[in-house]
Amino acid sequence: MKISKASLLLLFTVFIASLSSCKKSEDLGTDISFISIYNATTNVSSLNFLVNSEAIGASNLGIGQKSVYYGVYAGVWSTEAVLGSGTSSIKKDMTFVAGERNSLFVIGRVDSVDYFIIADDINAKDPNRAKIKFLNLSAYPGPLTLEIQLLNNVFTFPNQAYKSFTDYQSLNAGTIYTLTLKDAATNATIGTPITSEFRQGRMYTIWAKGTPNATIEAQRLGLQISEVN
């Protein structure tokens, strides 16, 4: 029986998903691209993602949730983000580049969603420290600043507009940090500060999500921490 490359895509992504968290991309061949899917929308309660009309395992992602990395053969493939009960979706052709590892954030509202993609370089990990970066994907009307505090020491990722992100910053692992989201213009605190411990040798994306004055907890403006692995 002849099996086309497109038909093998689903089997391949399922197989690679089980391996990508514990193997480097060079261990799996040179014609593979990796992608992780995030639900960064403001009001899509459940998200499914398809490549070439096949579900790749990124299913039923709630707001703020992400999938593991999935391996896809390099090339141009049709993709689709299916929203909620499946009554609406966004479809785009995407070019998957061999050897690349990307995070794809599905952003916007249910009636106007889009993709926002950033490259992930996991080879930049620091074996002795943690690395973090800040990404603003919230519906807040102005730029945001992330303040990170350990005891009396404070550093910031300042003045990040919508869909902007910082470079990675190394910090000492194994201690509890307080993270506060602030209005970049007024320095007023937005939402409730959170605390987090960052582990040695790990990389994290701290991203602002949600909508001001939202009444549903998952849709409220705040911070989400996702490990890039």
N, C-alpha and C. Protein backbone atom coordinates (compact mmCIF):
# COMPACT_ATOMS: atom_id res chain seq x y z
N MET A 1 0.85 -1.20 0.00
CA MET A 1 0.00 0.00 0.00
C MET A 1 0.88 1.24 0.00
N LYS A 2 0.60 2.18 -0.87
CA LYS A 2 1.38 3.41 -0.96
C LYS A 2 0.83 4.43 0.02
N ILE A 3 1.73 5.03 0.83
CA ILE A 3 1.33 6.03 1.80
C ILE A 3 2.01 7.34 1.46
N SER A 4 1.24 8.39 1.31
CA SER A 4 1.81 9.69 0.94
C SER A 4 2.45 10.35 2.14
N LYS A 5 3.29 11.33 1.86
CA LYS A 5 3.93 12.09 2.94
C LYS A 5 2.90 12.81 3.80
N ALA A 6 1.85 13.32 3.16
CA ALA A 6 0.80 14.00 3.92
C ALA A 6 0.09 13.04 4.86
N SER A 7 -0.12 11.81 4.41
CA SER A 7 -0.80 10.83 5.26
C SER A 7 0.05 10.44 6.46
N LEU A 8 1.38 10.53 6.30
CA LEU A 8 2.26 10.17 7.40
C LEU A 8 2.38 11.28 8.44
N LEU A 9 1.89 12.48 8.13
CA LEU A 9 2.11 13.62 9.01
C LEU A 9 1.53 13.38 10.39
N LEU A 10 0.31 12.89 10.48
CA LEU A 10 -0.31 12.67 11.79
C LEU A 10 0.45 11.65 12.59
N LEU A 11 0.81 10.52 11.97
CA LEU A 11 1.57 9.50 12.69
C LEU A 11 2.89 10.06 13.16
N PHE A 12 3.52 10.87 12.34
CA PHE A 12 4.81 11.43 12.69
C PHE A 12 4.71 12.37 13.87
N THR A 13 3.70 13.26 13.88
CA THR A 13 3.60 14.22 14.96
C THR A 13 3.29 13.54 16.28
N VAL A 14 2.47 12.51 16.27
CA VAL A 14 2.18 11.78 17.50
C VAL A 14 3.43 11.12 18.04
N PHE A 15 4.22 10.51 17.15
CA PHE A 15 5.45 9.85 17.56
C PHE A 15 6.47 10.85 18.11
N ILE A 16 6.66 11.96 17.39
CA ILE A 16 7.65 12.93 17.79
C ILE A 16 7.24 13.62 19.08
N ALA A 17 5.96 13.83 19.31
CA ALA A 17 5.53 14.50 20.54
C ALA A 17 5.99 13.75 21.77
N SER A 18 6.03 12.45 21.69
CA SER A 18 6.46 11.64 22.82
C SER A 18 7.97 11.67 23.03
N LEU A 19 8.71 12.14 21.99
CA LEU A 19 10.17 12.15 22.06
C LEU A 19 10.74 13.54 22.24
N SER A 20 10.02 14.57 21.80
CA SER A 20 10.63 15.90 21.70
C SER A 20 10.98 16.49 23.04
N SER A 21 10.34 16.05 24.12
CA SER A 21 10.65 16.60 25.43
C SER A 21 11.94 16.02 26.00
N CYS A 22 12.43 14.92 25.43
CA CYS A 22 13.63 14.30 26.00
C CYS A 22 14.76 14.13 24.99
N LYS A 23 14.57 14.53 23.73
CA LYS A 23 15.64 14.44 22.73
C LYS A 23 15.82 15.77 22.05
N LYS A 24 17.03 16.06 21.64
CA LYS A 24 17.29 17.25 20.87
C LYS A 24 16.86 17.03 19.43
N SER A 25 16.59 18.15 18.72
CA SER A 25 16.08 18.02 17.35
C SER A 25 17.08 17.31 16.45
N GLU A 26 18.40 17.47 16.71
CA GLU A 26 19.36 16.82 15.83
C GLU A 26 19.33 15.30 15.98
N ASP A 27 18.77 14.80 17.09
CA ASP A 27 18.66 13.36 17.27
C ASP A 27 17.57 12.76 16.39
N LEU A 28 16.70 13.61 15.83
CA LEU A 28 15.51 13.12 15.16
C LEU A 28 15.53 13.39 13.66
N GLY A 29 16.66 13.80 13.13
CA GLY A 29 16.74 14.05 11.71
C GLY A 29 16.82 15.53 11.41
N THR A 30 17.10 15.85 10.15
CA THR A 30 17.33 17.24 9.77
C THR A 30 16.16 17.87 9.03
N ASP A 31 15.10 17.11 8.75
CA ASP A 31 13.98 17.65 7.99
C ASP A 31 12.76 17.85 8.87
N ILE A 32 12.98 18.11 10.13
CA ILE A 32 11.89 18.22 11.09
C ILE A 32 11.83 19.63 11.66
N SER A 33 10.63 20.17 11.79
CA SER A 33 10.39 21.43 12.46
C SER A 33 9.51 21.15 13.67
N PHE A 34 9.75 21.89 14.76
CA PHE A 34 8.99 21.68 15.99
C PHE A 34 8.13 22.89 16.29
N ILE A 35 6.92 22.64 16.81
CA ILE A 35 6.00 23.74 17.11
C ILE A 35 5.22 23.42 18.39
N SER A 36 5.06 24.44 19.21
CA SER A 36 4.24 24.35 20.41
C SER A 36 3.11 25.36 20.29
N ILE A 37 1.89 24.97 20.63
CA ILE A 37 0.71 25.82 20.43
C ILE A 37 0.24 26.38 21.77
N TYR A 38 -0.07 27.67 21.80
CA TYR A 38 -0.56 28.36 23.00
C TYR A 38 -1.95 28.96 22.71
N ASN A 39 -2.84 28.86 23.68
CA ASN A 39 -4.11 29.58 23.60
C ASN A 39 -3.92 30.91 24.33
N ALA A 40 -3.60 31.95 23.56
CA ALA A 40 -3.40 33.28 24.12
C ALA A 40 -4.54 34.21 23.75
N THR A 41 -5.70 33.64 23.41
CA THR A 41 -6.86 34.46 23.08
C THR A 41 -7.45 35.08 24.34
N THR A 42 -8.32 36.06 24.13
CA THR A 42 -8.96 36.68 25.29
C THR A 42 -10.25 35.98 25.70
N ASN A 43 -10.89 35.25 24.76
CA ASN A 43 -12.19 34.67 25.12
C ASN A 43 -12.52 33.37 24.40
N VAL A 44 -11.51 32.65 23.90
CA VAL A 44 -11.76 31.33 23.30
C VAL A 44 -11.48 30.28 24.37
N SER A 45 -12.53 29.69 24.91
CA SER A 45 -12.39 28.82 26.08
C SER A 45 -11.72 27.50 25.76
N SER A 46 -11.78 27.07 24.50
CA SER A 46 -11.18 25.80 24.11
C SER A 46 -10.64 25.92 22.68
N LEU A 47 -9.42 25.41 22.48
CA LEU A 47 -8.75 25.57 21.18
C LEU A 47 -8.17 24.25 20.73
N ASN A 48 -8.37 23.92 19.45
CA ASN A 48 -7.75 22.76 18.82
C ASN A 48 -6.94 23.22 17.62
N PHE A 49 -5.82 22.54 17.36
CA PHE A 49 -4.95 22.96 16.27
C PHE A 49 -4.69 21.79 15.34
N LEU A 50 -4.81 22.06 14.03
CA LEU A 50 -4.65 21.02 13.02
C LEU A 50 -3.57 21.42 12.01
N VAL A 51 -2.83 20.43 11.55
CA VAL A 51 -1.87 20.62 10.45
C VAL A 51 -2.27 19.65 9.34
N ASN A 52 -2.47 20.20 8.14
CA ASN A 52 -2.91 19.39 7.02
C ASN A 52 -4.20 18.63 7.35
N SER A 53 -5.11 19.31 8.07
CA SER A 53 -6.43 18.79 8.45
C SER A 53 -6.36 17.66 9.48
N GLU A 54 -5.18 17.45 10.05
CA GLU A 54 -5.02 16.40 11.05
C GLU A 54 -4.70 17.04 12.40
N ALA A 55 -5.39 16.60 13.46
CA ALA A 55 -5.10 17.08 14.80
C ALA A 55 -3.71 16.60 15.20
N ILE A 56 -2.90 17.51 15.74
CA ILE A 56 -1.54 17.13 16.10
C ILE A 56 -1.39 16.90 17.60
N GLY A 57 -2.47 16.92 18.33
CA GLY A 57 -2.41 16.67 19.77
C GLY A 57 -2.62 17.91 20.61
N ALA A 58 -2.56 19.09 19.97
CA ALA A 58 -2.84 20.33 20.69
C ALA A 58 -4.36 20.51 20.72
N SER A 59 -5.00 19.82 21.64
CA SER A 59 -6.47 19.80 21.65
C SER A 59 -7.01 20.29 22.98
N ASN A 60 -8.17 20.93 22.89
CA ASN A 60 -8.89 21.43 24.07
C ASN A 60 -8.00 22.29 24.97
N LEU A 61 -7.21 23.16 24.37
CA LEU A 61 -6.36 24.05 25.15
C LEU A 61 -7.20 25.20 25.70
N GLY A 62 -7.24 25.32 27.02
CA GLY A 62 -7.92 26.44 27.64
C GLY A 62 -7.08 27.71 27.55
N ILE A 63 -7.66 28.84 27.89
CA ILE A 63 -6.93 30.11 27.84
C ILE A 63 -5.72 30.03 28.77
N GLY A 64 -4.56 30.36 28.23
CA GLY A 64 -3.33 30.31 29.01
C GLY A 64 -2.59 28.99 28.95
N GLN A 65 -3.20 27.98 28.32
CA GLN A 65 -2.56 26.67 28.25
C GLN A 65 -1.73 26.53 26.97
N LYS A 66 -0.77 25.59 27.00
CA LYS A 66 0.09 25.33 25.86
C LYS A 66 0.23 23.83 25.65
N SER A 67 0.65 23.47 24.44
CA SER A 67 0.92 22.07 24.13
C SER A 67 2.42 21.79 24.28
N VAL A 68 2.79 20.54 24.24
CA VAL A 68 4.20 20.19 24.12
C VAL A 68 4.63 20.50 22.68
N TYR A 69 5.91 20.35 22.39
CA TYR A 69 6.37 20.51 21.02
C TYR A 69 5.97 19.30 20.20
N TYR A 70 5.55 19.58 18.96
CA TYR A 70 5.23 18.51 18.01
C TYR A 70 6.12 18.65 16.79
N GLY A 71 6.61 17.53 16.30
CA GLY A 71 7.47 17.53 15.13
C GLY A 71 6.64 17.42 13.86
N VAL A 72 6.97 18.28 12.89
CA VAL A 72 6.27 18.30 11.60
C VAL A 72 7.33 18.27 10.51
N TYR A 73 7.09 17.49 9.46
CA TYR A 73 8.01 17.50 8.34
C TYR A 73 8.15 18.92 7.79
N ALA A 74 9.37 19.31 7.45
CA ALA A 74 9.60 20.63 6.87
C ALA A 74 8.82 20.77 5.56
N GLY A 75 8.34 21.98 5.30
CA GLY A 75 7.58 22.24 4.09
C GLY A 75 6.44 23.19 4.37
N VAL A 76 5.62 23.42 3.37
CA VAL A 76 4.46 24.29 3.51
C VAL A 76 3.23 23.42 3.76
N TRP A 77 2.56 23.67 4.88
CA TRP A 77 1.38 22.89 5.26
C TRP A 77 0.22 23.82 5.60
N SER A 78 -0.98 23.37 5.34
CA SER A 78 -2.16 24.11 5.79
C SER A 78 -2.34 23.89 7.28
N THR A 79 -2.69 24.95 8.00
CA THR A 79 -2.95 24.84 9.44
C THR A 79 -4.31 25.45 9.74
N GLU A 80 -4.87 25.02 10.86
CA GLU A 80 -6.18 25.53 11.26
C GLU A 80 -6.28 25.54 12.78
N ALA A 81 -6.68 26.67 13.33
CA ALA A 81 -7.00 26.77 14.75
C ALA A 81 -8.52 26.75 14.88
N VAL A 82 -9.04 25.69 15.47
CA VAL A 82 -10.49 25.50 15.61
C VAL A 82 -10.89 26.04 16.98
N LEU A 83 -11.86 26.94 16.98
CA LEU A 83 -12.21 27.67 18.19
C LEU A 83 -13.45 27.10 18.85
N GLY A 84 -13.39 26.93 20.15
CA GLY A 84 -14.55 26.52 20.92
C GLY A 84 -15.15 25.23 20.43
N SER A 85 -16.44 25.26 20.12
CA SER A 85 -17.17 24.06 19.71
C SER A 85 -16.91 23.69 18.25
N GLY A 86 -16.06 24.46 17.57
CA GLY A 86 -15.75 24.15 16.17
C GLY A 86 -16.58 24.93 15.18
N THR A 87 -17.36 25.90 15.65
CA THR A 87 -18.21 26.67 14.75
C THR A 87 -17.43 27.73 13.98
N SER A 88 -16.22 28.05 14.44
CA SER A 88 -15.40 29.02 13.73
C SER A 88 -13.93 28.61 13.83
N SER A 89 -13.14 29.12 12.90
CA SER A 89 -11.73 28.76 12.89
C SER A 89 -10.96 29.77 12.06
N ILE A 90 -9.64 29.69 12.15
CA ILE A 90 -8.76 30.47 11.29
C ILE A 90 -7.87 29.48 10.56
N LYS A 91 -7.69 29.69 9.25
CA LYS A 91 -6.88 28.79 8.44
C LYS A 91 -5.76 29.58 7.77
N LYS A 92 -4.56 29.03 7.83
CA LYS A 92 -3.41 29.67 7.20
C LYS A 92 -2.45 28.61 6.71
N ASP A 93 -1.78 28.90 5.59
CA ASP A 93 -0.65 28.08 5.18
C ASP A 93 0.58 28.56 5.93
N MET A 94 1.36 27.60 6.44
CA MET A 94 2.57 27.92 7.19
C MET A 94 3.76 27.19 6.60
N THR A 95 4.90 27.85 6.63
CA THR A 95 6.15 27.22 6.21
C THR A 95 6.88 26.71 7.44
N PHE A 96 7.09 25.40 7.50
CA PHE A 96 7.83 24.79 8.60
C PHE A 96 9.26 24.55 8.13
N VAL A 97 10.21 25.18 8.81
CA VAL A 97 11.61 25.14 8.42
C VAL A 97 12.35 24.07 9.21
N ALA A 98 13.09 23.24 8.51
CA ALA A 98 13.82 22.15 9.16
C ALA A 98 14.75 22.68 10.24
N GLY A 99 14.70 22.05 11.40
CA GLY A 99 15.59 22.41 12.50
C GLY A 99 15.09 23.53 13.38
N GLU A 100 14.03 24.22 12.97
CA GLU A 100 13.51 25.31 13.79
C GLU A 100 12.57 24.80 14.87
N ARG A 101 12.50 25.55 15.96
CA ARG A 101 11.60 25.25 17.07
C ARG A 101 10.88 26.55 17.40
N ASN A 102 9.54 26.56 17.28
CA ASN A 102 8.77 27.79 17.43
C ASN A 102 7.61 27.61 18.39
N SER A 103 7.23 28.74 19.01
CA SER A 103 5.99 28.82 19.78
C SER A 103 4.98 29.61 18.98
N LEU A 104 3.80 29.02 18.77
CA LEU A 104 2.73 29.68 18.03
C LEU A 104 1.62 30.05 19.01
N PHE A 105 1.41 31.35 19.18
CA PHE A 105 0.36 31.86 20.06
C PHE A 105 -0.85 32.21 19.21
N VAL A 106 -1.99 31.61 19.52
CA VAL A 106 -3.25 32.01 18.89
C VAL A 106 -3.78 33.16 19.71
N ILE A 107 -3.91 34.33 19.10
CA ILE A 107 -4.23 35.56 19.83
C ILE A 107 -5.54 36.16 19.33
N GLY A 108 -6.05 37.17 20.07
CA GLY A 108 -7.24 37.90 19.68
C GLY A 108 -8.50 37.37 20.33
N ARG A 109 -9.63 37.82 19.79
CA ARG A 109 -10.95 37.39 20.26
C ARG A 109 -11.52 36.35 19.31
N VAL A 110 -12.61 35.73 19.72
CA VAL A 110 -13.18 34.64 18.94
C VAL A 110 -13.56 35.09 17.54
N ASP A 111 -13.88 36.37 17.36
CA ASP A 111 -14.29 36.87 16.05
C ASP A 111 -13.13 37.48 15.25
N SER A 112 -11.92 37.46 15.82
CA SER A 112 -10.79 38.08 15.10
C SER A 112 -9.46 37.50 15.57
N VAL A 113 -9.33 36.19 15.50
CA VAL A 113 -8.10 35.55 15.98
C VAL A 113 -7.01 35.61 14.90
N ASP A 114 -5.77 35.44 15.36
CA ASP A 114 -4.63 35.46 14.46
C ASP A 114 -3.53 34.62 15.09
N TYR A 115 -2.44 34.42 14.36
CA TYR A 115 -1.27 33.72 14.87
C TYR A 115 -0.18 34.75 15.20
N PHE A 116 0.57 34.46 16.26
CA PHE A 116 1.78 35.21 16.58
C PHE A 116 2.85 34.19 16.92
N ILE A 117 3.96 34.21 16.18
CA ILE A 117 4.97 33.15 16.29
C ILE A 117 6.30 33.74 16.72
N ILE A 118 6.93 33.10 17.70
CA ILE A 118 8.28 33.49 18.09
C ILE A 118 9.18 32.26 18.05
N ALA A 119 10.44 32.48 17.70
CA ALA A 119 11.41 31.39 17.62
C ALA A 119 11.92 31.05 19.01
N ASP A 120 12.13 29.76 19.27
CA ASP A 120 12.66 29.28 20.54
C ASP A 120 14.03 28.66 20.31
N ASP A 121 15.02 29.16 21.03
CA ASP A 121 16.37 28.62 20.93
C ASP A 121 16.71 27.94 22.24
N ILE A 122 16.37 26.66 22.34
CA ILE A 122 16.60 25.96 23.60
C ILE A 122 18.08 25.68 23.82
N ASN A 123 18.89 25.87 22.79
CA ASN A 123 20.34 25.70 22.95
C ASN A 123 20.96 26.84 23.74
N ALA A 124 20.15 27.90 24.00
CA ALA A 124 20.64 29.04 24.77
C ALA A 124 20.50 28.84 26.27
N LYS A 125 20.11 27.66 26.69
CA LYS A 125 19.94 27.41 28.12
C LYS A 125 21.25 27.60 28.86
N ASP A 126 21.14 28.09 30.09
CA ASP A 126 22.28 28.24 30.99
C ASP A 126 22.20 27.11 32.01
N PRO A 127 23.17 26.21 32.04
CA PRO A 127 23.07 25.05 32.93
C PRO A 127 23.07 25.41 34.41
N ASN A 128 23.51 26.62 34.74
CA ASN A 128 23.65 27.00 36.15
C ASN A 128 22.59 27.98 36.63
N ARG A 129 21.86 28.58 35.69
CA ARG A 129 20.87 29.59 36.07
C ARG A 129 19.59 29.36 35.28
N ALA A 130 18.54 30.09 35.62
CA ALA A 130 17.30 30.09 34.85
C ALA A 130 17.32 31.28 33.90
N LYS A 131 16.55 31.17 32.81
CA LYS A 131 16.42 32.27 31.86
C LYS A 131 14.95 32.59 31.65
N ILE A 132 14.62 33.88 31.62
CA ILE A 132 13.23 34.30 31.43
C ILE A 132 13.17 35.43 30.41
N LYS A 133 12.02 35.51 29.73
CA LYS A 133 11.74 36.67 28.89
C LYS A 133 10.28 37.05 29.08
N PHE A 134 9.94 38.29 28.70
CA PHE A 134 8.59 38.82 28.90
C PHE A 134 7.97 39.13 27.55
N LEU A 135 6.72 38.71 27.39
CA LEU A 135 5.95 38.89 26.15
C LEU A 135 4.59 39.48 26.51
N ASN A 136 4.18 40.53 25.83
CA ASN A 136 2.89 41.16 26.08
C ASN A 136 1.88 40.76 25.01
N LEU A 137 0.93 39.92 25.40
CA LEU A 137 -0.17 39.53 24.50
C LEU A 137 -1.52 39.86 25.11
N SER A 138 -1.56 40.80 26.00
CA SER A 138 -2.81 41.17 26.65
C SER A 138 -3.58 42.18 25.81
N ALA A 139 -4.83 42.40 26.19
CA ALA A 139 -5.65 43.41 25.51
C ALA A 139 -5.60 44.75 26.24
N TYR A 140 -4.60 44.93 27.08
CA TYR A 140 -4.45 46.21 27.79
C TYR A 140 -4.17 47.32 26.78
N PRO A 141 -4.74 48.51 26.97
CA PRO A 141 -4.64 49.55 25.94
C PRO A 141 -3.28 50.23 25.80
N GLY A 142 -2.35 49.97 26.71
CA GLY A 142 -1.05 50.62 26.63
C GLY A 142 0.08 49.65 26.93
N PRO A 143 1.32 50.10 26.80
CA PRO A 143 2.48 49.25 27.09
C PRO A 143 2.51 48.82 28.56
N LEU A 144 3.17 47.69 28.81
CA LEU A 144 3.25 47.12 30.14
C LEU A 144 4.70 46.93 30.55
N THR A 145 4.91 46.96 31.86
CA THR A 145 6.22 46.67 32.44
C THR A 145 6.07 45.50 33.40
N LEU A 146 7.01 44.58 33.31
CA LEU A 146 7.06 43.47 34.27
C LEU A 146 8.16 43.76 35.28
N GLU A 147 7.76 43.76 36.55
CA GLU A 147 8.71 43.98 37.64
C GLU A 147 8.95 42.66 38.37
N ILE A 148 10.20 42.31 38.56
CA ILE A 148 10.57 41.06 39.22
C ILE A 148 11.40 41.40 40.45
N GLN A 149 10.95 40.89 41.61
CA GLN A 149 11.57 41.29 42.86
C GLN A 149 11.99 40.07 43.67
N LEU A 150 13.21 40.15 44.21
CA LEU A 150 13.72 39.17 45.16
C LEU A 150 14.25 39.95 46.35
N LEU A 151 13.55 39.83 47.49
CA LEU A 151 13.87 40.64 48.67
C LEU A 151 13.86 42.11 48.27
N ASN A 152 14.98 42.83 48.43
CA ASN A 152 15.00 44.25 48.09
C ASN A 152 15.57 44.52 46.70
N ASN A 153 15.85 43.47 45.97
CA ASN A 153 16.41 43.63 44.63
C ASN A 153 15.29 43.55 43.59
N VAL A 154 15.25 44.56 42.73
CA VAL A 154 14.19 44.65 41.72
C VAL A 154 14.82 44.89 40.35
N PHE A 155 14.37 44.12 39.34
CA PHE A 155 14.71 44.48 37.97
C PHE A 155 13.44 44.40 37.13
N THR A 156 13.46 45.06 36.01
CA THR A 156 12.25 45.18 35.21
C THR A 156 12.50 44.84 33.75
N PHE A 157 11.40 44.41 33.09
CA PHE A 157 11.32 44.38 31.64
C PHE A 157 10.37 45.52 31.27
N PRO A 158 10.88 46.68 30.90
CA PRO A 158 10.03 47.87 30.78
C PRO A 158 9.37 48.06 29.42
N ASN A 159 8.21 48.70 29.47
CA ASN A 159 7.60 49.35 28.30
C ASN A 159 7.41 48.42 27.11
N GLN A 160 6.75 47.29 27.34
CA GLN A 160 6.49 46.33 26.27
C GLN A 160 5.10 46.55 25.67
N ALA A 161 5.06 46.92 24.41
CA ALA A 161 3.78 47.11 23.71
C ALA A 161 3.19 45.76 23.34
N TYR A 162 1.97 45.79 22.83
CA TYR A 162 1.28 44.57 22.40
C TYR A 162 2.11 43.84 21.34
N LYS A 163 2.29 42.55 21.52
CA LYS A 163 3.04 41.66 20.63
C LYS A 163 4.54 41.96 20.60
N SER A 164 5.04 42.61 21.63
CA SER A 164 6.48 42.79 21.73
C SER A 164 7.02 41.89 22.84
N PHE A 165 8.30 41.53 22.73
CA PHE A 165 8.90 40.66 23.73
C PHE A 165 10.36 41.01 23.91
N THR A 166 10.91 40.62 25.05
CA THR A 166 12.26 40.98 25.41
C THR A 166 13.23 39.87 25.05
N ASP A 167 14.52 40.15 25.20
CA ASP A 167 15.52 39.11 25.16
C ASP A 167 15.47 38.32 26.48
N TYR A 168 16.15 37.18 26.49
CA TYR A 168 16.21 36.41 27.73
C TYR A 168 17.11 37.10 28.75
N GLN A 169 16.70 36.98 30.02
CA GLN A 169 17.47 37.49 31.14
C GLN A 169 17.78 36.32 32.07
N SER A 170 19.04 36.16 32.44
CA SER A 170 19.41 35.10 33.38
C SER A 170 19.18 35.57 34.82
N LEU A 171 18.77 34.64 35.66
CA LEU A 171 18.59 34.95 37.07
C LEU A 171 18.88 33.71 37.90
N ASN A 172 19.15 33.93 39.16
CA ASN A 172 19.47 32.83 40.05
C ASN A 172 18.26 31.93 40.25
N ALA A 173 18.50 30.64 40.17
CA ALA A 173 17.41 29.67 40.30
C ALA A 173 17.24 29.26 41.76
N GLY A 174 16.09 28.64 42.04
CA GLY A 174 15.87 28.04 43.34
C GLY A 174 15.39 28.98 44.41
N THR A 175 15.04 30.21 44.06
CA THR A 175 14.50 31.16 45.03
C THR A 175 13.15 31.67 44.54
N ILE A 176 12.37 32.20 45.46
CA ILE A 176 11.02 32.66 45.14
C ILE A 176 11.06 34.13 44.74
N TYR A 177 10.57 34.42 43.55
CA TYR A 177 10.48 35.79 43.05
C TYR A 177 9.03 36.25 43.06
N THR A 178 8.85 37.56 43.25
CA THR A 178 7.53 38.18 43.12
C THR A 178 7.46 38.91 41.79
N LEU A 179 6.43 38.62 41.00
CA LEU A 179 6.27 39.20 39.67
C LEU A 179 5.04 40.11 39.68
N THR A 180 5.26 41.35 39.25
CA THR A 180 4.19 42.34 39.26
C THR A 180 4.07 42.98 37.88
N LEU A 181 2.85 43.03 37.38
CA LEU A 181 2.56 43.67 36.09
C LEU A 181 2.15 45.11 36.35
N LYS A 182 2.75 46.04 35.57
CA LYS A 182 2.48 47.45 35.81
C LYS A 182 2.21 48.19 34.50
N ASP A 183 1.41 49.26 34.62
CA ASP A 183 1.22 50.17 33.51
C ASP A 183 2.53 50.91 33.28
N ALA A 184 3.05 50.85 32.06
CA ALA A 184 4.36 51.43 31.79
C ALA A 184 4.37 52.95 31.94
N ALA A 185 3.23 53.60 31.71
CA ALA A 185 3.17 55.06 31.78
C ALA A 185 2.99 55.57 33.20
N THR A 186 2.16 54.90 33.98
CA THR A 186 1.82 55.41 35.32
C THR A 186 2.51 54.64 36.44
N ASN A 187 3.05 53.47 36.14
CA ASN A 187 3.66 52.58 37.14
C ASN A 187 2.64 51.98 38.09
N ALA A 188 1.36 52.11 37.75
CA ALA A 188 0.31 51.52 38.59
C ALA A 188 0.29 50.01 38.42
N THR A 189 0.11 49.29 39.53
CA THR A 189 0.04 47.83 39.50
C THR A 189 -1.25 47.37 38.83
N ILE A 190 -1.14 46.38 37.97
CA ILE A 190 -2.28 45.82 37.26
C ILE A 190 -2.50 44.39 37.73
N GLY A 191 -3.70 44.09 38.18
CA GLY A 191 -3.99 42.74 38.64
C GLY A 191 -3.28 42.43 39.95
N THR A 192 -3.13 41.15 40.22
CA THR A 192 -2.54 40.68 41.47
C THR A 192 -1.15 40.12 41.22
N PRO A 193 -0.14 40.59 41.96
CA PRO A 193 1.21 40.03 41.81
C PRO A 193 1.21 38.52 42.09
N ILE A 194 2.12 37.81 41.44
CA ILE A 194 2.24 36.38 41.64
C ILE A 194 3.66 36.05 42.08
N THR A 195 3.86 34.88 42.62
CA THR A 195 5.19 34.42 42.99
C THR A 195 5.53 33.16 42.22
N SER A 196 6.83 32.97 41.97
CA SER A 196 7.26 31.79 41.22
C SER A 196 8.71 31.47 41.55
N GLU A 197 9.03 30.19 41.50
CA GLU A 197 10.40 29.72 41.60
C GLU A 197 10.84 29.20 40.24
N PHE A 198 12.00 29.64 39.77
CA PHE A 198 12.52 29.25 38.47
C PHE A 198 13.66 28.26 38.67
N ARG A 199 13.65 27.19 37.89
CA ARG A 199 14.57 26.08 38.10
C ARG A 199 15.85 26.24 37.27
N GLN A 200 16.92 25.75 37.81
CA GLN A 200 18.23 25.80 37.17
C GLN A 200 18.21 25.09 35.82
N GLY A 201 18.79 25.74 34.80
CA GLY A 201 18.89 25.14 33.48
C GLY A 201 17.62 25.18 32.67
N ARG A 202 16.60 25.89 33.16
CA ARG A 202 15.32 25.96 32.44
C ARG A 202 15.12 27.35 31.84
N MET A 203 14.24 27.41 30.81
CA MET A 203 13.91 28.67 30.15
C MET A 203 12.40 28.88 30.24
N TYR A 204 12.01 30.13 30.46
CA TYR A 204 10.60 30.44 30.68
C TYR A 204 10.19 31.67 29.87
N THR A 205 8.94 31.64 29.38
CA THR A 205 8.30 32.83 28.82
C THR A 205 7.24 33.27 29.81
N ILE A 206 7.38 34.51 30.28
CA ILE A 206 6.36 35.11 31.14
C ILE A 206 5.54 36.03 30.26
N TRP A 207 4.26 35.77 30.11
CA TRP A 207 3.48 36.55 29.17
C TRP A 207 2.20 37.10 29.80
N ALA A 208 1.93 38.34 29.40
CA ALA A 208 0.71 39.01 29.86
C ALA A 208 -0.43 38.60 28.95
N LYS A 209 -1.56 38.27 29.56
CA LYS A 209 -2.72 37.84 28.79
C LYS A 209 -3.98 38.46 29.40
N GLY A 210 -5.09 38.31 28.68
CA GLY A 210 -6.38 38.69 29.24
C GLY A 210 -6.83 40.10 28.90
N THR A 211 -7.96 40.44 29.49
CA THR A 211 -8.65 41.69 29.19
C THR A 211 -8.95 42.46 30.47
N PRO A 212 -8.74 43.76 30.48
CA PRO A 212 -9.13 44.55 31.66
C PRO A 212 -10.63 44.43 31.94
N ASN A 213 -10.98 44.33 33.20
CA ASN A 213 -12.38 44.30 33.66
C ASN A 213 -13.14 43.05 33.24
N ALA A 214 -12.44 41.99 32.83
CA ALA A 214 -13.14 40.74 32.51
C ALA A 214 -13.74 40.15 33.77
N THR A 215 -14.93 39.56 33.64
CA THR A 215 -15.61 38.98 34.80
C THR A 215 -15.35 37.49 34.95
N ILE A 216 -14.88 36.84 33.89
CA ILE A 216 -14.55 35.42 33.95
C ILE A 216 -13.08 35.29 34.32
N GLU A 217 -12.78 34.46 35.31
CA GLU A 217 -11.43 34.36 35.85
C GLU A 217 -10.38 34.11 34.79
N ALA A 218 -10.63 33.16 33.89
CA ALA A 218 -9.63 32.79 32.89
C ALA A 218 -9.34 33.92 31.91
N GLN A 219 -10.27 34.87 31.79
CA GLN A 219 -10.12 35.95 30.82
C GLN A 219 -9.54 37.23 31.42
N ARG A 220 -9.29 37.22 32.73
CA ARG A 220 -8.81 38.42 33.39
C ARG A 220 -7.36 38.73 33.03
N LEU A 221 -7.04 40.00 33.05
CA LEU A 221 -5.68 40.45 32.76
C LEU A 221 -4.73 39.95 33.84
N GLY A 222 -3.64 39.35 33.42
CA GLY A 222 -2.69 38.83 34.39
C GLY A 222 -1.49 38.21 33.71
N LEU A 223 -0.68 37.51 34.49
CA LEU A 223 0.55 36.90 34.01
C LEU A 223 0.44 35.39 33.91
N GLN A 224 1.05 34.84 32.91
CA GLN A 224 1.14 33.40 32.71
C GLN A 224 2.61 33.02 32.54
N ILE A 225 3.03 31.95 33.19
CA ILE A 225 4.42 31.50 33.08
C ILE A 225 4.43 30.14 32.37
N SER A 226 5.16 30.06 31.27
CA SER A 226 5.24 28.83 30.49
C SER A 226 6.70 28.45 30.31
N GLU A 227 7.01 27.19 30.62
CA GLU A 227 8.37 26.73 30.43
C GLU A 227 8.61 26.39 28.96
N VAL A 228 9.73 26.82 28.43
CA VAL A 228 10.10 26.54 27.04
C VAL A 228 11.01 25.33 27.07
N ASN A 229 10.46 24.19 26.70
CA ASN A 229 11.24 22.94 26.80
C ASN A 229 11.00 22.04 25.62
